[in-house]
Amino acid sequence: MIPRSAGGEITPEGLVAVGRIAREFNLYTKITGSQRIGLFGVQKDDLPEIWRQLIEAGFET
């Protein structure tokens, strides 16, 4: 999954949130070829909670 951010800008708090979510859900992260942050290994059942947390941290769907 690749969360979107307005203008590609991510705050320090947003970066911390991505790291916290990755740890909580045992995901691995990668900077993609298009310079986005990718979260890999997401389980389908975890998607609603991950999206909730990302939106709360200021990311878009």
PDB file of N, CA and C in Angstrom:
ATOM      1  N   MET A   1       0.845  -1.150   0.000  1.00  0.00           N
ATOM      2  CA  MET A   1       0.000   0.000   0.000  1.00  0.00           C
ATOM      3  C   MET A   1       0.893   1.215   0.000  1.00  0.00           C
ATOM      4  N   ILE A   2       0.447   2.245  -0.699  1.00  0.00           N
ATOM      5  CA  ILE A   2       1.243   3.462  -0.789  1.00  0.00           C
ATOM      6  C   ILE A   2       0.352   4.636  -0.390  1.00  0.00           C
ATOM      7  N   PRO A   3       0.528   5.137   0.836  1.00  0.00           N
ATOM      8  CA  PRO A   3      -0.285   6.269   1.274  1.00  0.00           C
ATOM      9  C   PRO A   3       0.071   7.529   0.490  1.00  0.00           C
ATOM     10  N   ARG A   4      -0.917   8.321   0.188  1.00  0.00           N
ATOM     11  CA  ARG A   4      -0.705   9.571  -0.537  1.00  0.00           C
ATOM     12  C   ARG A   4      -0.590  10.724   0.444  1.00  0.00           C
ATOM     13  N   SER A   5       0.220  11.688   0.065  1.00  0.00           N
ATOM     14  CA  SER A   5       0.330  12.903   0.862  1.00  0.00           C
ATOM     15  C   SER A   5       0.234  14.091  -0.083  1.00  0.00           C
ATOM     16  N   ALA A   6      -0.382  15.143   0.378  1.00  0.00           N
ATOM     17  CA  ALA A   6      -0.587  16.327  -0.455  1.00  0.00           C
ATOM     18  C   ALA A   6       0.752  16.889  -0.918  1.00  0.00           C
ATOM     19  N   GLY A   7       0.918  17.012  -2.223  1.00  0.00           N
ATOM     20  CA  GLY A   7       2.143  17.573  -2.771  1.00  0.00           C
ATOM     21  C   GLY A   7       3.380  16.736  -2.522  1.00  0.00           C
ATOM     22  N   GLY A   8       3.200  15.512  -2.043  1.00  0.00           N
ATOM     23  CA  GLY A   8       4.338  14.657  -1.738  1.00  0.00           C
ATOM     24  C   GLY A   8       5.088  15.055  -0.479  1.00  0.00           C
ATOM     25  N   GLU A   9       4.526  15.999   0.267  1.00  0.00           N
ATOM     26  CA  GLU A   9       5.181  16.470   1.485  1.00  0.00           C
ATOM     27  C   GLU A   9       4.732  15.647   2.683  1.00  0.00           C
ATOM     28  N   ILE A  10       5.692  15.285   3.518  1.00  0.00           N
ATOM     29  CA  ILE A  10       5.401  14.511   4.720  1.00  0.00           C
ATOM     30  C   ILE A  10       6.060  15.210   5.899  1.00  0.00           C
ATOM     31  N   THR A  11       5.286  15.437   6.934  1.00  0.00           N
ATOM     32  CA  THR A  11       5.827  16.073   8.137  1.00  0.00           C
ATOM     33  C   THR A  11       6.650  15.061   8.930  1.00  0.00           C
ATOM     34  N   PRO A  12       7.482  15.547   9.837  1.00  0.00           N
ATOM     35  CA  PRO A  12       8.193  14.618  10.716  1.00  0.00           C
ATOM     36  C   PRO A  12       7.227  13.712  11.479  1.00  0.00           C
ATOM     37  N   GLU A  13       6.096  14.269  11.900  1.00  0.00           N
ATOM     38  CA  GLU A  13       5.096  13.469  12.610  1.00  0.00           C
ATOM     39  C   GLU A  13       4.523  12.382  11.704  1.00  0.00           C
ATOM     40  N   GLY A  14       4.354  12.703  10.414  1.00  0.00           N
ATOM     41  CA  GLY A  14       3.867  11.716   9.460  1.00  0.00           C
ATOM     42  C   GLY A  14       4.851  10.572   9.278  1.00  0.00           C
ATOM     43  N   LEU A  15       6.138  10.900   9.240  1.00  0.00           N
ATOM     44  CA  LEU A  15       7.158   9.855   9.125  1.00  0.00           C
ATOM     45  C   LEU A  15       7.153   8.950  10.348  1.00  0.00           C
ATOM     46  N   VAL A  16       7.012   9.562  11.516  1.00  0.00           N
ATOM     47  CA  VAL A  16       6.949   8.771  12.753  1.00  0.00           C
ATOM     48  C   VAL A  16       5.727   7.855  12.711  1.00  0.00           C
ATOM     49  N   ALA A  17       4.590   8.378  12.231  1.00  0.00           N
ATOM     50  CA  ALA A  17       3.366   7.575  12.156  1.00  0.00           C
ATOM     51  C   ALA A  17       3.558   6.382  11.222  1.00  0.00           C
ATOM     52  N   VAL A  18       4.207   6.593  10.077  1.00  0.00           N
ATOM     53  CA  VAL A  18       4.455   5.485   9.146  1.00  0.00           C
ATOM     54  C   VAL A  18       5.304   4.418   9.830  1.00  0.00           C
ATOM     55  N   GLY A  19       6.337   4.831  10.537  1.00  0.00           N
ATOM     56  CA  GLY A  19       7.191   3.877  11.241  1.00  0.00           C
ATOM     57  C   GLY A  19       6.446   3.117  12.323  1.00  0.00           C
ATOM     58  N   ARG A  20       5.613   3.837  13.067  1.00  0.00           N
ATOM     59  CA  ARG A  20       4.834   3.201  14.136  1.00  0.00           C
ATOM     60  C   ARG A  20       3.860   2.177  13.551  1.00  0.00           C
ATOM     61  N   ILE A  21       3.197   2.549  12.473  1.00  0.00           N
ATOM     62  CA  ILE A  21       2.247   1.642  11.823  1.00  0.00           C
ATOM     63  C   ILE A  21       2.981   0.420  11.273  1.00  0.00           C
ATOM     64  N   ALA A  22       4.134   0.644  10.653  1.00  0.00           N
ATOM     65  CA  ALA A  22       4.914  -0.475  10.110  1.00  0.00           C
ATOM     66  C   ALA A  22       5.305  -1.449  11.216  1.00  0.00           C
ATOM     67  N   ARG A  23       5.708  -0.926  12.353  1.00  0.00           N
ATOM     68  CA  ARG A  23       6.060  -1.810  13.479  1.00  0.00           C
ATOM     69  C   ARG A  23       4.842  -2.552  14.007  1.00  0.00           C
ATOM     70  N   GLU A  24       3.752  -1.801  14.214  1.00  0.00           N
ATOM     71  CA  GLU A  24       2.546  -2.396  14.800  1.00  0.00           C
ATOM     72  C   GLU A  24       1.992  -3.537  13.944  1.00  0.00           C
ATOM     73  N   PHE A  25       2.056  -3.387  12.624  1.00  0.00           N
ATOM     74  CA  PHE A  25       1.452  -4.378  11.732  1.00  0.00           C
ATOM     75  C   PHE A  25       2.494  -5.258  11.040  1.00  0.00           C
ATOM     76  N   ASN A  26       3.740  -5.188  11.511  1.00  0.00           N
ATOM     77  CA  ASN A  26       4.830  -6.023  10.994  1.00  0.00           C
ATOM     78  C   ASN A  26       4.991  -5.876   9.479  1.00  0.00           C
ATOM     79  N   LEU A  27       5.080  -4.624   9.021  1.00  0.00           N
ATOM     80  CA  LEU A  27       5.231  -4.319   7.604  1.00  0.00           C
ATOM     81  C   LEU A  27       6.669  -3.925   7.321  1.00  0.00           C
ATOM     82  N   TYR A  28       7.055  -3.985   6.076  1.00  0.00           N
ATOM     83  CA  TYR A  28       8.346  -3.424   5.713  1.00  0.00           C
ATOM     84  C   TYR A  28       8.103  -2.236   4.796  1.00  0.00           C
ATOM     85  N   THR A  29       9.007  -1.290   4.827  1.00  0.00           N
ATOM     86  CA  THR A  29       8.846  -0.051   4.078  1.00  0.00           C
ATOM     87  C   THR A  29       9.919   0.059   3.007  1.00  0.00           C
ATOM     88  N   LYS A  30       9.596   0.850   2.001  1.00  0.00           N
ATOM     89  CA  LYS A  30      10.519   1.043   0.894  1.00  0.00           C
ATOM     90  C   LYS A  30      10.210   2.381   0.242  1.00  0.00           C
ATOM     91  N   ILE A  31      11.250   3.100  -0.158  1.00  0.00           N
ATOM     92  CA  ILE A  31      11.058   4.269  -1.003  1.00  0.00           C
ATOM     93  C   ILE A  31      10.972   3.723  -2.426  1.00  0.00           C
ATOM     94  N   THR A  32       9.840   3.956  -3.072  1.00  0.00           N
ATOM     95  CA  THR A  32       9.607   3.382  -4.396  1.00  0.00           C
ATOM     96  C   THR A  32      10.355   4.166  -5.470  1.00  0.00           C
ATOM     97  N   GLY A  33      10.349   3.639  -6.682  1.00  0.00           N
ATOM     98  CA  GLY A  33      10.982   4.313  -7.809  1.00  0.00           C
ATOM     99  C   GLY A  33      10.371   5.672  -8.100  1.00  0.00           C
ATOM    100  N   SER A  34       9.113   5.853  -7.725  1.00  0.00           N
ATOM    101  CA  SER A  34       8.449   7.146  -7.911  1.00  0.00           C
ATOM    102  C   SER A  34       8.574   8.020  -6.666  1.00  0.00           C
ATOM    103  N   GLN A  35       9.490   7.664  -5.787  1.00  0.00           N
ATOM    104  CA  GLN A  35       9.822   8.413  -4.576  1.00  0.00           C
ATOM    105  C   GLN A  35       8.645   8.539  -3.612  1.00  0.00           C
ATOM    106  N   ARG A  36       7.888   7.478  -3.476  1.00  0.00           N
ATOM    107  CA  ARG A  36       6.818   7.407  -2.482  1.00  0.00           C
ATOM    108  C   ARG A  36       7.230   6.402  -1.419  1.00  0.00           C
ATOM    109  N   ILE A  37       6.579   6.475  -0.273  1.00  0.00           N
ATOM    110  CA  ILE A  37       6.838   5.492   0.776  1.00  0.00           C
ATOM    111  C   ILE A  37       5.836   4.358   0.608  1.00  0.00           C
ATOM    112  N   GLY A  38       6.344   3.157   0.421  1.00  0.00           N
ATOM    113  CA  GLY A  38       5.484   1.986   0.285  1.00  0.00           C
ATOM    114  C   GLY A  38       5.499   1.162   1.557  1.00  0.00           C
ATOM    115  N   LEU A  39       4.330   0.675   1.939  1.00  0.00           N
ATOM    116  CA  LEU A  39       4.188  -0.242   3.072  1.00  0.00           C
ATOM    117  C   LEU A  39       3.814  -1.602   2.490  1.00  0.00           C
ATOM    118  N   PHE A  40       4.640  -2.598   2.721  1.00  0.00           N
ATOM    119  CA  PHE A  40       4.447  -3.900   2.097  1.00  0.00           C
ATOM    120  C   PHE A  40       4.203  -4.977   3.146  1.00  0.00           C
ATOM    121  N   GLY A  41       3.408  -5.977   2.755  1.00  0.00           N
ATOM    122  CA  GLY A  41       3.085  -7.077   3.654  1.00  0.00           C
ATOM    123  C   GLY A  41       1.787  -6.871   4.415  1.00  0.00           C
ATOM    124  N   VAL A  42       0.956  -5.937   3.954  1.00  0.00           N
ATOM    125  CA  VAL A  42      -0.308  -5.625   4.633  1.00  0.00           C
ATOM    126  C   VAL A  42      -1.276  -6.795   4.501  1.00  0.00           C
ATOM    127  N   GLN A  43      -1.896  -7.168   5.609  1.00  0.00           N
ATOM    128  CA  GLN A  43      -2.940  -8.189   5.611  1.00  0.00           C
ATOM    129  C   GLN A  43      -4.285  -7.513   5.336  1.00  0.00           C
ATOM    130  N   LYS A  44      -5.099  -8.134   4.523  1.00  0.00           N
ATOM    131  CA  LYS A  44      -6.382  -7.550   4.123  1.00  0.00           C
ATOM    132  C   LYS A  44      -7.220  -7.118   5.328  1.00  0.00           C
ATOM    133  N   ASP A  45      -7.253  -7.937   6.365  1.00  0.00           N
ATOM    134  CA  ASP A  45      -8.063  -7.623   7.544  1.00  0.00           C
ATOM    135  C   ASP A  45      -7.557  -6.397   8.295  1.00  0.00           C
ATOM    136  N   ASP A  46      -6.290  -6.040   8.105  1.00  0.00           N
ATOM    137  CA  ASP A  46      -5.706  -4.892   8.801  1.00  0.00           C
ATOM    138  C   ASP A  46      -5.911  -3.574   8.057  1.00  0.00           C
ATOM    139  N   LEU A  47      -6.339  -3.642   6.793  1.00  0.00           N
ATOM    140  CA  LEU A  47      -6.449  -2.431   5.981  1.00  0.00           C
ATOM    141  C   LEU A  47      -7.287  -1.322   6.614  1.00  0.00           C
ATOM    142  N   PRO A  48      -8.497  -1.596   7.114  1.00  0.00           N
ATOM    143  CA  PRO A  48      -9.289  -0.497   7.679  1.00  0.00           C
ATOM    144  C   PRO A  48      -8.575   0.235   8.820  1.00  0.00           C
ATOM    145  N   GLU A  49      -7.934  -0.498   9.701  1.00  0.00           N
ATOM    146  CA  GLU A  49      -7.250   0.136  10.832  1.00  0.00           C
ATOM    147  C   GLU A  49      -6.006   0.887  10.375  1.00  0.00           C
ATOM    148  N   ILE A  50      -5.280   0.331   9.422  1.00  0.00           N
ATOM    149  CA  ILE A  50      -4.097   1.026   8.908  1.00  0.00           C
ATOM    150  C   ILE A  50      -4.518   2.328   8.241  1.00  0.00           C
ATOM    151  N   TRP A  51      -5.548   2.278   7.395  1.00  0.00           N
ATOM    152  CA  TRP A  51      -6.021   3.507   6.752  1.00  0.00           C
ATOM    153  C   TRP A  51      -6.509   4.511   7.783  1.00  0.00           C
ATOM    154  N   ARG A  52      -7.201   4.055   8.809  1.00  0.00           N
ATOM    155  CA  ARG A  52      -7.682   4.974   9.845  1.00  0.00           C
ATOM    156  C   ARG A  52      -6.509   5.711  10.469  1.00  0.00           C
ATOM    157  N   GLN A  53      -5.462   4.966  10.811  1.00  0.00           N
ATOM    158  CA  GLN A  53      -4.300   5.576  11.447  1.00  0.00           C
ATOM    159  C   GLN A  53      -3.562   6.513  10.490  1.00  0.00           C
ATOM    160  N   LEU A  54      -3.465   6.135   9.218  1.00  0.00           N
ATOM    161  CA  LEU A  54      -2.792   7.000   8.249  1.00  0.00           C
ATOM    162  C   LEU A  54      -3.561   8.300   8.036  1.00  0.00           C
ATOM    163  N   ILE A  55      -4.874   8.197   7.916  1.00  0.00           N
ATOM    164  CA  ILE A  55      -5.695   9.395   7.743  1.00  0.00           C
ATOM    165  C   ILE A  55      -5.580  10.292   8.968  1.00  0.00           C
ATOM    166  N   GLU A  56      -5.584   9.691  10.141  1.00  0.00           N
ATOM    167  CA  GLU A  56      -5.422  10.448  11.384  1.00  0.00           C
ATOM    168  C   GLU A  56      -4.081  11.182  11.407  1.00  0.00           C
ATOM    169  N   ALA A  57      -3.068  10.598  10.761  1.00  0.00           N
ATOM    170  CA  ALA A  57      -1.732  11.199  10.718  1.00  0.00           C
ATOM    171  C   ALA A  57      -1.596  12.219   9.582  1.00  0.00           C
ATOM    172  N   GLY A  58      -2.669  12.428   8.807  1.00  0.00           N
ATOM    173  CA  GLY A  58      -2.644  13.454   7.771  1.00  0.00           C
ATOM    174  C   GLY A  58      -2.448  12.959   6.357  1.00  0.00           C
ATOM    175  N   PHE A  59      -2.431  11.637   6.172  1.00  0.00           N
ATOM    176  CA  PHE A  59      -2.297  11.099   4.825  1.00  0.00           C
ATOM    177  C   PHE A  59      -3.670  11.019   4.171  1.00  0.00           C
ATOM    178  N   GLU A  60      -3.671  10.943   2.829  1.00  0.00           N
ATOM    179  CA  GLU A  60      -4.909  10.840   2.069  1.00  0.00           C
ATOM    180  C   GLU A  60      -5.141   9.391   1.675  1.00  0.00           C
ATOM    181  N   THR A  61      -6.370   9.071   1.301  1.00  0.00           N
ATOM    182  CA  THR A  61      -6.670   7.714   0.854  1.00  0.00           C
ATOM    183  C   THR A  61      -6.289   7.531  -0.593  1.00  0.00           C
TER     184      THR A  61
END
